[in-house]
């Protein structure tokens, strides 16, 4: 039961990260290793990344 909630929380963290244009796989792995609750709190604190961020960075 605990593993189910841990995996579900990690999946939720990955989904929130994807909605904010952050690395979903990285956040999923971080939530698995650290804590889904802590990762969700961290994601709540960071602003969404702009879509043109990657093109600005290449210049």
N, C-alpha and C. Protein backbone atom coordinates (compact mmCIF):
# COMPACT_ATOMS: atom_id res chain seq x y z
N UNK A 1 0.82 -1.19 0.00
CA UNK A 1 0.00 0.00 0.00
C UNK A 1 0.87 1.26 0.00
N UNK A 2 1.92 1.24 0.83
CA UNK A 2 2.83 2.38 0.89
C UNK A 2 3.50 2.62 -0.46
N UNK A 3 3.93 1.54 -1.10
CA UNK A 3 4.59 1.66 -2.41
C UNK A 3 3.65 2.24 -3.45
N UNK A 4 2.38 1.90 -3.38
CA UNK A 4 1.39 2.43 -4.32
C UNK A 4 1.29 3.95 -4.19
N UNK A 5 1.20 4.45 -2.96
CA UNK A 5 1.11 5.89 -2.74
C UNK A 5 2.41 6.59 -3.14
N UNK A 6 3.54 5.96 -2.88
CA UNK A 6 4.83 6.55 -3.24
C UNK A 6 4.96 6.68 -4.77
N UNK A 7 4.59 5.63 -5.49
CA UNK A 7 4.65 5.67 -6.96
C UNK A 7 3.63 6.65 -7.53
N UNK A 8 2.44 6.68 -6.95
CA UNK A 8 1.42 7.61 -7.42
C UNK A 8 1.85 9.06 -7.18
N UNK A 9 2.42 9.32 -6.03
CA UNK A 9 2.92 10.66 -5.74
C UNK A 9 4.06 11.06 -6.65
N UNK A 10 4.92 10.11 -6.97
CA UNK A 10 6.01 10.38 -7.90
C UNK A 10 5.48 10.67 -9.30
N UNK A 11 4.47 9.92 -9.70
CA UNK A 11 3.84 10.19 -11.00
C UNK A 11 3.17 11.56 -11.02
N UNK A 12 2.55 11.94 -9.93
CA UNK A 12 1.94 13.26 -9.84
C UNK A 12 2.99 14.36 -9.93
N UNK A 13 4.12 14.16 -9.27
CA UNK A 13 5.22 15.13 -9.35
C UNK A 13 5.73 15.25 -10.78
N UNK A 14 5.83 14.14 -11.49
CA UNK A 14 6.27 14.17 -12.88
C UNK A 14 5.26 14.91 -13.75
N UNK A 15 3.98 14.70 -13.50
CA UNK A 15 2.93 15.38 -14.27
C UNK A 15 2.97 16.89 -14.02
N UNK A 16 3.11 17.29 -12.77
CA UNK A 16 3.19 18.72 -12.44
C UNK A 16 4.42 19.33 -13.10
N UNK A 17 5.54 18.62 -13.08
CA UNK A 17 6.77 19.12 -13.71
C UNK A 17 6.56 19.30 -15.21
N UNK A 18 5.89 18.36 -15.84
CA UNK A 18 5.63 18.48 -17.28
C UNK A 18 4.72 19.66 -17.58
N UNK A 19 3.76 19.93 -16.72
CA UNK A 19 2.87 21.07 -16.91
C UNK A 19 3.61 22.39 -16.79
N UNK A 20 4.70 22.39 -16.04
CA UNK A 20 5.50 23.60 -15.85
C UNK A 20 6.71 23.64 -16.79
N UNK A 21 6.73 22.78 -17.80
CA UNK A 21 7.84 22.68 -18.76
C UNK A 21 9.17 22.39 -18.07
N UNK A 22 9.13 21.52 -17.10
CA UNK A 22 10.32 21.05 -16.41
C UNK A 22 10.57 19.60 -16.81
N UNK A 23 11.69 19.05 -16.47
CA UNK A 23 12.02 17.67 -16.83
C UNK A 23 11.21 16.67 -16.02
N UNK A 24 10.22 16.07 -16.64
CA UNK A 24 9.32 15.16 -15.93
C UNK A 24 10.05 13.92 -15.42
N UNK A 25 10.94 13.37 -16.23
CA UNK A 25 11.66 12.16 -15.81
C UNK A 25 12.57 12.46 -14.63
N UNK A 26 13.24 13.59 -14.67
CA UNK A 26 14.13 13.97 -13.56
C UNK A 26 13.35 14.15 -12.27
N UNK A 27 12.21 14.81 -12.36
CA UNK A 27 11.40 15.04 -11.16
C UNK A 27 10.79 13.73 -10.67
N UNK A 28 10.43 12.83 -11.57
CA UNK A 28 9.91 11.52 -11.16
C UNK A 28 10.98 10.75 -10.38
N UNK A 29 12.20 10.74 -10.90
CA UNK A 29 13.27 10.03 -10.22
C UNK A 29 13.62 10.69 -8.89
N UNK A 30 13.61 12.00 -8.85
CA UNK A 30 13.87 12.71 -7.59
C UNK A 30 12.80 12.38 -6.56
N UNK A 31 11.56 12.32 -6.99
CA UNK A 31 10.47 11.99 -6.07
C UNK A 31 10.59 10.55 -5.58
N UNK A 32 11.03 9.65 -6.45
CA UNK A 32 11.22 8.27 -6.02
C UNK A 32 12.32 8.16 -4.97
N UNK A 33 13.41 8.91 -5.17
CA UNK A 33 14.56 8.81 -4.27
C UNK A 33 14.38 9.62 -2.99
N UNK A 34 13.78 10.79 -3.09
CA UNK A 34 13.69 11.68 -1.93
C UNK A 34 12.32 11.53 -1.27
N UNK A 35 11.33 12.18 -1.85
CA UNK A 35 9.97 12.13 -1.33
C UNK A 35 9.05 12.83 -2.30
N UNK A 36 7.93 12.21 -2.65
CA UNK A 36 6.99 12.88 -3.54
C UNK A 36 6.46 14.19 -2.96
N UNK A 37 6.24 14.22 -1.65
CA UNK A 37 5.72 15.43 -1.01
C UNK A 37 6.73 16.57 -1.11
N UNK A 38 8.00 16.28 -0.84
CA UNK A 38 9.02 17.33 -0.93
C UNK A 38 9.19 17.83 -2.36
N UNK A 39 9.12 16.93 -3.32
CA UNK A 39 9.25 17.34 -4.71
C UNK A 39 8.05 18.17 -5.15
N UNK A 40 6.86 17.82 -4.69
CA UNK A 40 5.68 18.62 -5.03
C UNK A 40 5.77 20.01 -4.40
N UNK A 41 6.30 20.10 -3.19
CA UNK A 41 6.50 21.41 -2.57
C UNK A 41 7.54 22.23 -3.34
N UNK A 42 8.60 21.57 -3.78
CA UNK A 42 9.62 22.27 -4.57
C UNK A 42 9.06 22.74 -5.90
N UNK A 43 8.24 21.92 -6.53
CA UNK A 43 7.62 22.31 -7.80
C UNK A 43 6.64 23.46 -7.61
N UNK A 44 6.00 23.51 -6.47
CA UNK A 44 5.08 24.62 -6.19
C UNK A 44 5.85 25.93 -6.04
N UNK A 45 7.11 25.83 -5.63
CA UNK A 45 7.92 27.03 -5.41
C UNK A 45 8.57 27.56 -6.68
N UNK A 46 8.83 26.71 -7.66
CA UNK A 46 9.51 27.16 -8.87
C UNK A 46 8.48 27.66 -9.89
N UNK A 47 8.83 28.72 -10.62
CA UNK A 47 7.90 29.21 -11.64
C UNK A 47 7.94 28.32 -12.88
N UNK A 48 6.89 28.38 -13.69
CA UNK A 48 6.91 27.63 -14.95
C UNK A 48 8.02 28.14 -15.87
N UNK A 49 8.63 27.23 -16.59
CA UNK A 49 9.67 27.61 -17.54
C UNK A 49 9.00 28.05 -18.84
N UNK A 50 9.50 29.15 -19.39
CA UNK A 50 8.94 29.63 -20.66
C UNK A 50 9.26 28.65 -21.77
N UNK A 51 8.39 28.60 -22.78
CA UNK A 51 8.59 27.67 -23.89
C UNK A 51 9.77 28.07 -24.75
N UNK A 52 10.07 29.35 -24.82
CA UNK A 52 11.17 29.81 -25.66
C UNK A 52 12.50 29.78 -24.91
N UNK A 53 12.55 29.15 -23.74
CA UNK A 53 13.77 29.08 -22.94
C UNK A 53 14.89 28.38 -23.69
N UNK A 54 14.58 27.28 -24.36
CA UNK A 54 15.61 26.51 -25.06
C UNK A 54 16.21 27.30 -26.22
N UNK A 55 15.40 28.06 -26.94
CA UNK A 55 15.92 28.83 -28.06
C UNK A 55 16.74 30.01 -27.57
N UNK A 56 16.37 30.61 -26.45
CA UNK A 56 17.16 31.72 -25.90
C UNK A 56 18.52 31.23 -25.43
N UNK A 57 18.56 30.05 -24.89
CA UNK A 57 19.79 29.52 -24.33
C UNK A 57 20.82 29.21 -25.41
N UNK A 58 20.37 28.87 -26.60
CA UNK A 58 21.28 28.55 -27.70
C UNK A 58 21.96 29.77 -28.28
N UNK A 59 21.41 30.93 -28.08
CA UNK A 59 21.97 32.15 -28.68
C UNK A 59 23.24 32.59 -28.02
